[in-house]
Amino acid sequence: MRKYTVYLGAIALIMCGSSAYAQSTTFRGFRIEAKAGVDRLQAHGNHDDRFVYGVAGGWDGIIGDKIVIGPEASYLDTQGKSCAAGVLGGEVCTRSRREVGAAVRAGYLATPALLIFGKAGYVSDSQRKTFTGDPAGGTAFKTRHGTDGYQVGGGIEYSLVRNFYVSAEYKYANFHNHTSRQNVLGGVGVRF
C-alpha cells in the first residue's frame, strides 16, 4: 500500500508542476514553428498522399482572458502528384511543389495551456502540369505556374513550458485551377 501512496504522491507532484507551468505559459507575442505531416493533393478526379514539411510564424494577441487572435504566415514543401488519363489518350499530371499562405488565426483558451483555434486566409501554390501525349500524335507538354486560392483549418496548441509548445492541425486549401490540398500536420514551436 505504501508503494501506491508514493506513486500517487509522485503523480500529484507532476500535476502540480504541470499546473504551475500552465499558469506561467503565454499565448501572446511572436511565435515560429516547424511542421510536418501528410499532404493530399487532389486534381483530375484523383488524389495522392505524400509527406509534407514546412514552417509557420505569426503574432498572437489576447482579448480578455480567453480569446487569442493574430496573423500567421506559412510555407509548406511537398512533392504531391496526381495523374489521370487524357481525354484522347496519354496521361495528364499535376504536381504540387511549394505552398505559401497568409491567414488570420483565432482561438479559445480551454485551459491556461490549451488553445483550440481556427484559421482562414489566402494561399498560393507552385504547380507543374505535364501531358505525356499519346501514340495517335498528341503533343506532350510541361508547364509551371502558380495558382491562388483560400485556406481554412483548425487545430490545437499546447504549451509545454513558458516558451515552447506543440500543435496539431488540419488545413484545407482550394485553388482557382480546380485543384486542392488537405494537410494533417504536427508542429513544435517557440514563442518570443
N, C-alpha and C. Protein backbone atom coordinates (compact mmCIF):
# COMPACT_ATOMS: atom_id res chain seq x y z
N MET A 1 0.83 -1.19 0.00
CA MET A 1 0.00 0.00 0.00
C MET A 1 0.87 1.25 0.00
N ARG A 2 1.98 1.20 0.73
CA ARG A 2 2.86 2.36 0.80
C ARG A 2 3.40 2.69 -0.59
N LYS A 3 3.72 1.64 -1.38
CA LYS A 3 4.25 1.86 -2.73
C LYS A 3 3.25 2.65 -3.58
N TYR A 4 1.95 2.31 -3.51
CA TYR A 4 0.93 3.02 -4.27
C TYR A 4 0.78 4.47 -3.79
N THR A 5 0.93 4.70 -2.48
CA THR A 5 0.86 6.06 -1.94
C THR A 5 1.99 6.91 -2.50
N VAL A 6 3.18 6.32 -2.62
CA VAL A 6 4.32 7.03 -3.20
C VAL A 6 4.05 7.36 -4.66
N TYR A 7 3.48 6.40 -5.41
CA TYR A 7 3.14 6.65 -6.82
C TYR A 7 2.13 7.78 -6.94
N LEU A 8 1.07 7.73 -6.12
CA LEU A 8 0.06 8.78 -6.17
C LEU A 8 0.65 10.13 -5.79
N GLY A 9 1.54 10.14 -4.82
CA GLY A 9 2.21 11.39 -4.44
C GLY A 9 3.05 11.93 -5.58
N ALA A 10 3.76 11.05 -6.30
CA ALA A 10 4.58 11.48 -7.43
C ALA A 10 3.71 12.04 -8.55
N ILE A 11 2.58 11.37 -8.82
CA ILE A 11 1.66 11.86 -9.86
C ILE A 11 1.10 13.23 -9.47
N ALA A 12 0.72 13.40 -8.19
CA ALA A 12 0.20 14.69 -7.74
C ALA A 12 1.25 15.78 -7.88
N LEU A 13 2.51 15.45 -7.58
CA LEU A 13 3.60 16.42 -7.70
C LEU A 13 3.80 16.83 -9.16
N ILE A 14 3.76 15.85 -10.07
CA ILE A 14 3.90 16.14 -11.50
C ILE A 14 2.74 17.03 -11.97
N MET A 15 1.51 16.70 -11.53
CA MET A 15 0.36 17.50 -11.94
C MET A 15 0.45 18.92 -11.40
N CYS A 16 0.91 19.08 -10.17
CA CYS A 16 1.07 20.43 -9.62
C CYS A 16 2.14 21.18 -10.39
N GLY A 17 3.21 20.47 -10.76
CA GLY A 17 4.26 21.11 -11.56
C GLY A 17 3.73 21.53 -12.91
N SER A 18 2.92 20.65 -13.55
CA SER A 18 2.33 20.99 -14.84
C SER A 18 1.40 22.17 -14.70
N SER A 19 0.65 22.23 -13.59
CA SER A 19 -0.25 23.34 -13.37
C SER A 19 0.52 24.64 -13.20
N ALA A 20 1.66 24.56 -12.51
CA ALA A 20 2.49 25.76 -12.35
C ALA A 20 3.03 26.21 -13.70
N TYR A 21 3.44 25.25 -14.52
CA TYR A 21 3.89 25.59 -15.87
C TYR A 21 2.76 26.24 -16.66
N ALA A 22 1.56 25.64 -16.53
CA ALA A 22 0.42 26.17 -17.29
C ALA A 22 0.13 27.61 -16.88
N GLN A 23 0.24 27.92 -15.58
CA GLN A 23 -0.03 29.28 -15.13
C GLN A 23 1.00 30.26 -15.68
N SER A 24 2.22 29.78 -15.98
CA SER A 24 3.27 30.68 -16.46
C SER A 24 3.33 30.74 -17.99
N THR A 25 2.48 29.96 -18.69
CA THR A 25 2.51 29.98 -20.14
C THR A 25 1.84 31.24 -20.66
N THR A 26 2.16 31.58 -21.89
CA THR A 26 1.54 32.74 -22.51
C THR A 26 1.27 32.45 -23.97
N PHE A 27 0.19 32.97 -24.48
CA PHE A 27 -0.14 32.85 -25.90
C PHE A 27 -0.06 34.21 -26.56
N ARG A 28 0.76 35.10 -26.01
CA ARG A 28 0.89 36.46 -26.52
C ARG A 28 2.28 36.63 -27.12
N GLY A 29 2.36 37.32 -28.27
CA GLY A 29 3.64 37.66 -28.86
C GLY A 29 3.97 36.88 -30.12
N PHE A 30 5.21 36.98 -30.55
CA PHE A 30 5.67 36.32 -31.78
C PHE A 30 5.94 34.85 -31.52
N ARG A 31 5.72 34.04 -32.57
CA ARG A 31 5.98 32.59 -32.49
C ARG A 31 6.46 32.09 -33.84
N ILE A 32 7.20 30.98 -33.79
CA ILE A 32 7.63 30.29 -35.02
C ILE A 32 7.62 28.80 -34.72
N GLU A 33 7.22 27.99 -35.73
CA GLU A 33 7.19 26.55 -35.51
C GLU A 33 7.54 25.77 -36.76
N ALA A 34 8.10 24.58 -36.54
CA ALA A 34 8.37 23.63 -37.61
C ALA A 34 7.19 22.67 -37.68
N LYS A 35 6.77 22.34 -38.92
CA LYS A 35 5.61 21.47 -39.11
C LYS A 35 5.98 20.30 -40.02
N ALA A 36 5.30 19.18 -39.82
CA ALA A 36 5.46 18.02 -40.71
C ALA A 36 4.19 17.19 -40.62
N GLY A 37 3.90 16.45 -41.69
CA GLY A 37 2.71 15.61 -41.68
C GLY A 37 2.41 15.01 -43.03
N VAL A 38 1.10 14.88 -43.33
CA VAL A 38 0.64 14.24 -44.56
C VAL A 38 -0.07 15.29 -45.42
N ASP A 39 0.24 15.30 -46.71
CA ASP A 39 -0.36 16.22 -47.67
C ASP A 39 -1.12 15.41 -48.72
N ARG A 40 -2.36 15.79 -48.99
CA ARG A 40 -3.15 15.14 -50.04
C ARG A 40 -3.45 16.16 -51.13
N LEU A 41 -2.89 15.92 -52.32
CA LEU A 41 -3.18 16.75 -53.49
C LEU A 41 -4.32 16.11 -54.26
N GLN A 42 -5.37 16.89 -54.58
CA GLN A 42 -6.48 16.40 -55.36
C GLN A 42 -6.55 17.17 -56.67
N ALA A 43 -6.45 16.42 -57.79
CA ALA A 43 -6.52 17.01 -59.12
C ALA A 43 -6.97 15.93 -60.10
N HIS A 44 -7.67 16.33 -61.15
CA HIS A 44 -8.11 15.40 -62.20
C HIS A 44 -8.99 14.27 -61.67
N GLY A 45 -9.69 14.51 -60.57
CA GLY A 45 -10.56 13.48 -60.00
C GLY A 45 -9.84 12.43 -59.20
N ASN A 46 -8.52 12.57 -59.01
CA ASN A 46 -7.73 11.62 -58.24
C ASN A 46 -7.02 12.35 -57.11
N HIS A 47 -6.39 11.59 -56.22
CA HIS A 47 -5.60 12.20 -55.16
C HIS A 47 -4.32 11.41 -54.92
N ASP A 48 -3.37 12.08 -54.27
CA ASP A 48 -2.09 11.47 -53.95
C ASP A 48 -1.66 11.95 -52.57
N ASP A 49 -1.23 11.05 -51.71
CA ASP A 49 -0.80 11.39 -50.36
C ASP A 49 0.72 11.34 -50.27
N ARG A 50 1.31 12.40 -49.74
CA ARG A 50 2.77 12.49 -49.61
C ARG A 50 3.13 13.13 -48.28
N PHE A 51 4.40 12.98 -47.90
CA PHE A 51 4.95 13.65 -46.73
C PHE A 51 5.10 15.14 -47.04
N VAL A 52 4.82 15.99 -46.07
CA VAL A 52 4.95 17.43 -46.23
C VAL A 52 5.67 18.00 -45.01
N TYR A 53 6.45 19.04 -45.22
CA TYR A 53 7.12 19.71 -44.10
C TYR A 53 7.16 21.21 -44.39
N GLY A 54 7.38 22.00 -43.35
CA GLY A 54 7.43 23.43 -43.55
C GLY A 54 7.56 24.19 -42.25
N VAL A 55 7.28 25.48 -42.32
CA VAL A 55 7.36 26.36 -41.16
C VAL A 55 6.15 27.29 -41.15
N ALA A 56 5.85 27.81 -39.98
CA ALA A 56 4.81 28.83 -39.83
C ALA A 56 5.27 29.80 -38.76
N GLY A 57 4.83 31.02 -38.90
CA GLY A 57 5.16 32.03 -37.90
C GLY A 57 4.05 33.05 -37.82
N GLY A 58 3.97 33.72 -36.69
CA GLY A 58 2.92 34.71 -36.54
C GLY A 58 3.05 35.48 -35.26
N TRP A 59 2.03 36.25 -34.99
CA TRP A 59 1.93 37.04 -33.76
C TRP A 59 0.55 36.83 -33.19
N ASP A 60 0.47 36.62 -31.87
CA ASP A 60 -0.80 36.41 -31.19
C ASP A 60 -1.04 37.49 -30.15
N GLY A 61 -2.27 37.96 -30.08
CA GLY A 61 -2.71 38.86 -29.03
C GLY A 61 -3.87 38.23 -28.29
N ILE A 62 -4.11 38.69 -27.06
CA ILE A 62 -5.18 38.12 -26.24
C ILE A 62 -6.24 39.19 -25.98
N ILE A 63 -7.50 38.80 -26.22
CA ILE A 63 -8.64 39.66 -25.92
C ILE A 63 -9.29 39.08 -24.66
N GLY A 64 -9.35 39.87 -23.61
CA GLY A 64 -9.87 39.36 -22.34
C GLY A 64 -8.93 38.31 -21.80
N ASP A 65 -9.48 37.23 -21.25
CA ASP A 65 -8.67 36.15 -20.69
C ASP A 65 -8.67 34.90 -21.56
N LYS A 66 -9.57 34.81 -22.54
CA LYS A 66 -9.77 33.53 -23.24
C LYS A 66 -9.59 33.56 -24.75
N ILE A 67 -9.69 34.71 -25.40
CA ILE A 67 -9.66 34.78 -26.86
C ILE A 67 -8.26 35.17 -27.34
N VAL A 68 -7.71 34.35 -28.25
CA VAL A 68 -6.40 34.60 -28.85
C VAL A 68 -6.60 34.82 -30.34
N ILE A 69 -6.01 35.90 -30.88
CA ILE A 69 -6.17 36.19 -32.31
C ILE A 69 -4.90 36.83 -32.86
N GLY A 70 -4.60 36.54 -34.13
CA GLY A 70 -3.43 37.15 -34.75
C GLY A 70 -3.17 36.63 -36.15
N PRO A 71 -2.26 37.29 -36.89
CA PRO A 71 -1.91 36.88 -38.24
C PRO A 71 -0.90 35.72 -38.23
N GLU A 72 -0.90 34.96 -39.33
CA GLU A 72 0.05 33.84 -39.47
C GLU A 72 0.50 33.74 -40.92
N ALA A 73 1.78 33.48 -41.13
CA ALA A 73 2.32 33.19 -42.46
C ALA A 73 2.86 31.76 -42.43
N SER A 74 2.76 31.04 -43.56
CA SER A 74 3.21 29.65 -43.59
C SER A 74 3.87 29.30 -44.92
N TYR A 75 4.73 28.29 -44.87
CA TYR A 75 5.39 27.76 -46.06
C TYR A 75 5.40 26.25 -45.93
N LEU A 76 4.93 25.52 -46.96
CA LEU A 76 4.95 24.06 -46.98
C LEU A 76 5.62 23.58 -48.25
N ASP A 77 6.37 22.49 -48.14
CA ASP A 77 7.07 21.90 -49.29
C ASP A 77 6.69 20.43 -49.39
N THR A 78 6.29 20.01 -50.60
CA THR A 78 5.89 18.62 -50.81
C THR A 78 6.16 18.23 -52.26
N GLN A 79 5.99 16.99 -52.58
CA GLN A 79 6.15 16.50 -53.95
C GLN A 79 4.87 15.79 -54.39
N GLY A 80 3.71 16.29 -53.96
CA GLY A 80 2.43 15.68 -54.31
C GLY A 80 2.20 15.66 -55.81
N LYS A 81 1.67 14.55 -56.31
CA LYS A 81 1.45 14.40 -57.75
C LYS A 81 0.17 13.61 -57.97
N SER A 82 -0.72 14.13 -58.83
CA SER A 82 -1.97 13.45 -59.14
C SER A 82 -2.11 13.35 -60.66
N CYS A 83 -2.38 12.14 -61.16
CA CYS A 83 -2.43 11.90 -62.60
C CYS A 83 -3.76 11.25 -63.01
N ALA A 84 -4.12 11.46 -64.27
CA ALA A 84 -5.32 10.84 -64.84
C ALA A 84 -5.10 10.65 -66.34
N ALA A 85 -5.87 9.75 -66.92
CA ALA A 85 -5.79 9.53 -68.37
C ALA A 85 -6.33 10.74 -69.11
N GLY A 86 -5.66 11.12 -70.20
CA GLY A 86 -6.12 12.22 -71.03
C GLY A 86 -7.40 11.85 -71.77
N VAL A 87 -8.14 12.84 -72.22
CA VAL A 87 -9.41 12.59 -72.91
C VAL A 87 -9.20 11.77 -74.18
N LEU A 88 -8.13 12.06 -74.93
CA LEU A 88 -7.86 11.35 -76.18
C LEU A 88 -6.66 10.42 -76.07
N GLY A 89 -6.33 10.01 -74.85
CA GLY A 89 -5.17 9.16 -74.62
C GLY A 89 -4.07 9.93 -73.90
N GLY A 90 -2.98 9.26 -73.65
CA GLY A 90 -1.89 9.88 -72.91
C GLY A 90 -2.25 10.02 -71.44
N GLU A 91 -1.45 10.80 -70.72
CA GLU A 91 -1.67 11.00 -69.29
C GLU A 91 -1.37 12.44 -68.92
N VAL A 92 -2.26 13.04 -68.13
CA VAL A 92 -2.07 14.40 -67.66
C VAL A 92 -1.82 14.33 -66.14
N CYS A 93 -0.80 15.06 -65.67
CA CYS A 93 -0.42 15.04 -64.26
C CYS A 93 -0.25 16.45 -63.73
N THR A 94 -0.62 16.66 -62.49
CA THR A 94 -0.36 17.91 -61.79
C THR A 94 0.51 17.59 -60.59
N ARG A 95 1.60 18.35 -60.43
CA ARG A 95 2.49 18.17 -59.29
C ARG A 95 2.50 19.47 -58.49
N SER A 96 2.32 19.35 -57.19
CA SER A 96 2.37 20.49 -56.29
C SER A 96 3.75 20.57 -55.66
N ARG A 97 4.29 21.77 -55.58
CA ARG A 97 5.66 21.91 -55.05
C ARG A 97 5.69 22.69 -53.75
N ARG A 98 5.48 23.99 -53.82
CA ARG A 98 5.61 24.85 -52.66
C ARG A 98 4.33 25.66 -52.46
N GLU A 99 3.89 25.70 -51.21
CA GLU A 99 2.69 26.45 -50.87
C GLU A 99 3.04 27.55 -49.87
N VAL A 100 2.59 28.76 -50.15
CA VAL A 100 2.80 29.90 -49.26
C VAL A 100 1.42 30.43 -48.87
N GLY A 101 1.23 30.70 -47.59
CA GLY A 101 -0.08 31.16 -47.15
C GLY A 101 -0.01 32.30 -46.14
N ALA A 102 -1.09 33.04 -46.06
CA ALA A 102 -1.27 34.09 -45.05
C ALA A 102 -2.68 33.95 -44.51
N ALA A 103 -2.82 33.92 -43.20
CA ALA A 103 -4.13 33.67 -42.59
C ALA A 103 -4.29 34.47 -41.31
N VAL A 104 -5.52 34.55 -40.86
CA VAL A 104 -5.83 35.07 -39.53
C VAL A 104 -6.25 33.87 -38.70
N ARG A 105 -5.65 33.76 -37.52
CA ARG A 105 -5.93 32.64 -36.62
C ARG A 105 -6.64 33.18 -35.38
N ALA A 106 -7.73 32.53 -34.98
CA ALA A 106 -8.45 32.92 -33.77
C ALA A 106 -8.74 31.68 -32.95
N GLY A 107 -8.58 31.80 -31.63
CA GLY A 107 -8.78 30.63 -30.80
C GLY A 107 -9.33 30.94 -29.42
N TYR A 108 -9.63 29.86 -28.71
CA TYR A 108 -10.20 29.93 -27.37
C TYR A 108 -9.31 29.14 -26.42
N LEU A 109 -8.95 29.74 -25.29
CA LEU A 109 -8.13 29.06 -24.29
C LEU A 109 -9.04 28.17 -23.44
N ALA A 110 -9.03 26.87 -23.75
CA ALA A 110 -9.83 25.91 -22.99
C ALA A 110 -9.26 25.74 -21.59
N THR A 111 -7.94 25.78 -21.47
CA THR A 111 -7.22 25.81 -20.19
C THR A 111 -6.10 26.83 -20.37
N PRO A 112 -5.40 27.19 -19.29
CA PRO A 112 -4.29 28.14 -19.47
C PRO A 112 -3.20 27.65 -20.42
N ALA A 113 -3.12 26.33 -20.66
CA ALA A 113 -2.08 25.78 -21.53
C ALA A 113 -2.60 25.23 -22.85
N LEU A 114 -3.93 25.17 -23.06
CA LEU A 114 -4.51 24.54 -24.25
C LEU A 114 -5.33 25.54 -25.05
N LEU A 115 -4.92 25.77 -26.29
CA LEU A 115 -5.62 26.66 -27.21
C LEU A 115 -6.30 25.83 -28.29
N ILE A 116 -7.58 26.07 -28.52
CA ILE A 116 -8.31 25.47 -29.63
C ILE A 116 -8.54 26.60 -30.63
N PHE A 117 -8.08 26.41 -31.89
CA PHE A 117 -8.11 27.53 -32.84
C PHE A 117 -8.68 27.13 -34.20
N GLY A 118 -9.09 28.15 -34.92
CA GLY A 118 -9.48 28.03 -36.32
C GLY A 118 -8.73 29.10 -37.10
N LYS A 119 -8.60 28.92 -38.40
CA LYS A 119 -7.92 29.93 -39.21
C LYS A 119 -8.49 29.95 -40.62
N ALA A 120 -8.31 31.09 -41.30
CA ALA A 120 -8.77 31.24 -42.68
C ALA A 120 -7.92 32.31 -43.34
N GLY A 121 -7.70 32.16 -44.66
CA GLY A 121 -6.90 33.17 -45.35
C GLY A 121 -6.59 32.80 -46.78
N TYR A 122 -5.57 33.45 -47.30
CA TYR A 122 -5.10 33.34 -48.68
C TYR A 122 -4.01 32.27 -48.77
N VAL A 123 -3.93 31.60 -49.94
CA VAL A 123 -2.88 30.62 -50.16
C VAL A 123 -2.48 30.62 -51.64
N SER A 124 -1.20 30.40 -51.91
CA SER A 124 -0.68 30.32 -53.28
C SER A 124 0.16 29.05 -53.40
N ASP A 125 0.00 28.34 -54.51
CA ASP A 125 0.70 27.07 -54.71
C ASP A 125 1.49 27.10 -56.01
N SER A 126 2.71 26.61 -55.98
CA SER A 126 3.53 26.47 -57.18
C SER A 126 3.31 25.07 -57.73
N GLN A 127 2.82 24.97 -58.96
CA GLN A 127 2.48 23.68 -59.55
C GLN A 127 3.14 23.48 -60.91
N ARG A 128 3.24 22.22 -61.30
CA ARG A 128 3.74 21.86 -62.62
C ARG A 128 2.73 20.89 -63.24
N LYS A 129 2.34 21.17 -64.49
CA LYS A 129 1.39 20.31 -65.19
C LYS A 129 2.11 19.69 -66.39
N THR A 130 1.94 18.38 -66.57
CA THR A 130 2.57 17.68 -67.69
C THR A 130 1.54 16.83 -68.42
N PHE A 131 1.76 16.68 -69.72
CA PHE A 131 0.95 15.78 -70.54
C PHE A 131 1.91 14.95 -71.37
N THR A 132 1.81 13.63 -71.26
CA THR A 132 2.78 12.75 -71.92
C THR A 132 2.50 12.55 -73.40
N GLY A 133 1.32 12.96 -73.88
CA GLY A 133 0.99 12.73 -75.29
C GLY A 133 0.45 11.32 -75.48
N ASP A 134 0.09 10.98 -76.71
CA ASP A 134 -0.43 9.65 -76.99
C ASP A 134 0.10 9.18 -78.34
N PRO A 135 0.03 7.87 -78.60
CA PRO A 135 0.57 7.33 -79.85
C PRO A 135 -0.09 7.89 -81.09
N ALA A 136 -1.31 8.43 -81.00
CA ALA A 136 -2.01 8.93 -82.17
C ALA A 136 -1.57 10.34 -82.56
N GLY A 137 -0.53 10.85 -81.92
CA GLY A 137 0.00 12.14 -82.36
C GLY A 137 -0.22 13.29 -81.41
N GLY A 138 -0.73 13.05 -80.18
CA GLY A 138 -0.90 14.13 -79.21
C GLY A 138 0.46 14.71 -78.83
N THR A 139 0.54 16.00 -78.66
CA THR A 139 1.80 16.67 -78.35
C THR A 139 2.00 16.75 -76.85
N ALA A 140 3.13 16.24 -76.39
CA ALA A 140 3.46 16.31 -74.96
C ALA A 140 3.82 17.74 -74.59
N PHE A 141 3.55 18.12 -73.35
CA PHE A 141 3.94 19.45 -72.88
C PHE A 141 4.21 19.42 -71.39
N LYS A 142 4.88 20.48 -70.92
CA LYS A 142 5.17 20.64 -69.50
C LYS A 142 5.09 22.13 -69.19
N THR A 143 4.31 22.51 -68.18
CA THR A 143 4.20 23.91 -67.80
C THR A 143 4.40 24.06 -66.30
N ARG A 144 4.88 25.23 -65.91
CA ARG A 144 4.97 25.60 -64.49
C ARG A 144 4.12 26.83 -64.30
N HIS A 145 3.38 26.87 -63.21
CA HIS A 145 2.53 28.01 -62.96
C HIS A 145 2.22 28.11 -61.47
N GLY A 146 1.77 29.28 -61.07
CA GLY A 146 1.30 29.48 -59.72
C GLY A 146 -0.21 29.60 -59.74
N THR A 147 -0.85 29.16 -58.68
CA THR A 147 -2.29 29.28 -58.57
C THR A 147 -2.66 29.75 -57.17
N ASP A 148 -3.66 30.61 -57.09
CA ASP A 148 -4.07 31.17 -55.80
C ASP A 148 -5.39 30.57 -55.34
N GLY A 149 -5.70 30.79 -54.08
CA GLY A 149 -6.97 30.31 -53.55
C GLY A 149 -7.14 30.70 -52.10
N TYR A 150 -7.95 29.91 -51.40
CA TYR A 150 -8.20 30.20 -49.98
C TYR A 150 -7.86 28.97 -49.15
N GLN A 151 -7.60 29.21 -47.87
CA GLN A 151 -7.34 28.12 -46.94
C GLN A 151 -8.20 28.31 -45.69
N VAL A 152 -8.65 27.17 -45.12
CA VAL A 152 -9.36 27.16 -43.85
C VAL A 152 -8.83 25.97 -43.05
N GLY A 153 -8.89 26.05 -41.75
CA GLY A 153 -8.40 24.94 -40.95
C GLY A 153 -8.64 25.17 -39.48
N GLY A 154 -8.16 24.26 -38.69
CA GLY A 154 -8.29 24.36 -37.25
C GLY A 154 -7.42 23.34 -36.56
N GLY A 155 -7.26 23.51 -35.25
CA GLY A 155 -6.43 22.58 -34.50
C GLY A 155 -6.31 22.96 -33.05
N ILE A 156 -5.28 22.39 -32.42
CA ILE A 156 -4.99 22.66 -31.02
C ILE A 156 -3.52 22.99 -30.85
N GLU A 157 -3.24 23.76 -29.81
CA GLU A 157 -1.87 24.10 -29.46
C GLU A 157 -1.74 23.94 -27.95
N TYR A 158 -0.67 23.28 -27.50
CA TYR A 158 -0.48 23.01 -26.08
C TYR A 158 0.88 23.52 -25.63
N SER A 159 0.89 24.38 -24.63
CA SER A 159 2.15 24.91 -24.09
C SER A 159 2.78 23.90 -23.15
N LEU A 160 4.01 23.52 -23.45
CA LEU A 160 4.74 22.60 -22.58
C LEU A 160 5.35 23.35 -21.41
N VAL A 161 6.03 24.44 -21.71
CA VAL A 161 6.58 25.36 -20.72
C VAL A 161 6.35 26.76 -21.28
N ARG A 162 6.87 27.78 -20.62
CA ARG A 162 6.54 29.15 -21.00
C ARG A 162 6.78 29.47 -22.47
N ASN A 163 7.89 29.05 -23.07
CA ASN A 163 8.23 29.45 -24.43
C ASN A 163 8.09 28.36 -25.48
N PHE A 164 7.81 27.13 -25.11
CA PHE A 164 7.77 26.03 -26.06
C PHE A 164 6.38 25.39 -26.10
N TYR A 165 5.97 24.98 -27.30
CA TYR A 165 4.65 24.37 -27.45
C TYR A 165 4.65 23.32 -28.54
N VAL A 166 3.62 22.49 -28.56
CA VAL A 166 3.37 21.52 -29.63
C VAL A 166 1.99 21.81 -30.19
N SER A 167 1.76 21.40 -31.44
CA SER A 167 0.46 21.66 -32.07
C SER A 167 0.07 20.53 -32.99
N ALA A 168 -1.22 20.47 -33.30
CA ALA A 168 -1.76 19.53 -34.29
C ALA A 168 -2.86 20.28 -35.02
N GLU A 169 -2.90 20.15 -36.36
CA GLU A 169 -3.93 20.87 -37.11
C GLU A 169 -4.31 20.18 -38.40
N TYR A 170 -5.50 20.53 -38.89
CA TYR A 170 -5.97 20.11 -40.21
C TYR A 170 -6.17 21.39 -41.02
N LYS A 171 -5.75 21.36 -42.29
CA LYS A 171 -5.91 22.52 -43.16
C LYS A 171 -6.38 22.08 -44.54
N TYR A 172 -7.34 22.83 -45.11
CA TYR A 172 -7.83 22.59 -46.47
C TYR A 172 -7.55 23.83 -47.30
N ALA A 173 -6.96 23.64 -48.48
CA ALA A 173 -6.68 24.74 -49.41
C ALA A 173 -7.33 24.43 -50.75
N ASN A 174 -8.06 25.40 -51.30
CA ASN A 174 -8.73 25.24 -52.58
C ASN A 174 -8.18 26.29 -53.54
N PHE A 175 -7.77 25.86 -54.76
CA PHE A 175 -7.12 26.74 -55.71
C PHE A 175 -8.01 27.02 -56.93
N HIS A 176 -7.75 28.13 -57.60
CA HIS A 176 -8.57 28.56 -58.74
C HIS A 176 -8.50 27.62 -59.93
N ASN A 177 -7.45 26.79 -60.02
CA ASN A 177 -7.34 25.87 -61.16
C ASN A 177 -7.99 24.51 -60.88
N HIS A 178 -8.93 24.47 -59.97
CA HIS A 178 -9.71 23.26 -59.65
C HIS A 178 -8.86 22.15 -59.03
N THR A 179 -7.81 22.52 -58.30
CA THR A 179 -7.05 21.57 -57.51
C THR A 179 -7.21 21.96 -56.04
N SER A 180 -6.90 21.04 -55.15
CA SER A 180 -6.98 21.32 -53.72
C SER A 180 -5.95 20.50 -52.97
N ARG A 181 -5.65 20.94 -51.75
CA ARG A 181 -4.73 20.22 -50.88
C ARG A 181 -5.35 20.12 -49.50
N GLN A 182 -5.13 18.97 -48.87
CA GLN A 182 -5.50 18.78 -47.48
C GLN A 182 -4.26 18.38 -46.71
N ASN A 183 -4.07 18.97 -45.53
CA ASN A 183 -2.90 18.67 -44.71
C ASN A 183 -3.34 18.26 -43.31
N VAL A 184 -2.68 17.25 -42.77
CA VAL A 184 -2.75 16.93 -41.35
C VAL A 184 -1.34 17.10 -40.83
N LEU A 185 -1.15 18.07 -39.91
CA LEU A 185 0.19 18.49 -39.53
C LEU A 185 0.39 18.46 -38.02
N GLY A 186 1.59 18.09 -37.62
CA GLY A 186 2.02 18.23 -36.24
C GLY A 186 3.13 19.26 -36.21
N GLY A 187 3.27 19.98 -35.11
CA GLY A 187 4.29 21.02 -35.05
C GLY A 187 4.92 21.15 -33.69
N VAL A 188 6.12 21.75 -33.69
CA VAL A 188 6.86 22.07 -32.47
C VAL A 188 7.28 23.52 -32.63
N GLY A 189 6.98 24.37 -31.62
CA GLY A 189 7.26 25.78 -31.80
C GLY A 189 7.83 26.44 -30.57
N VAL A 190 8.25 27.70 -30.79
CA VAL A 190 8.80 28.52 -29.71
C VAL A 190 8.18 29.91 -29.80
N ARG A 191 7.94 30.51 -28.64
CA ARG A 191 7.42 31.87 -28.56
C ARG A 191 8.51 32.81 -28.06
N PHE A 192 8.47 34.04 -28.55
CA PHE A 192 9.49 35.03 -28.18
C PHE A 192 8.89 36.13 -27.34
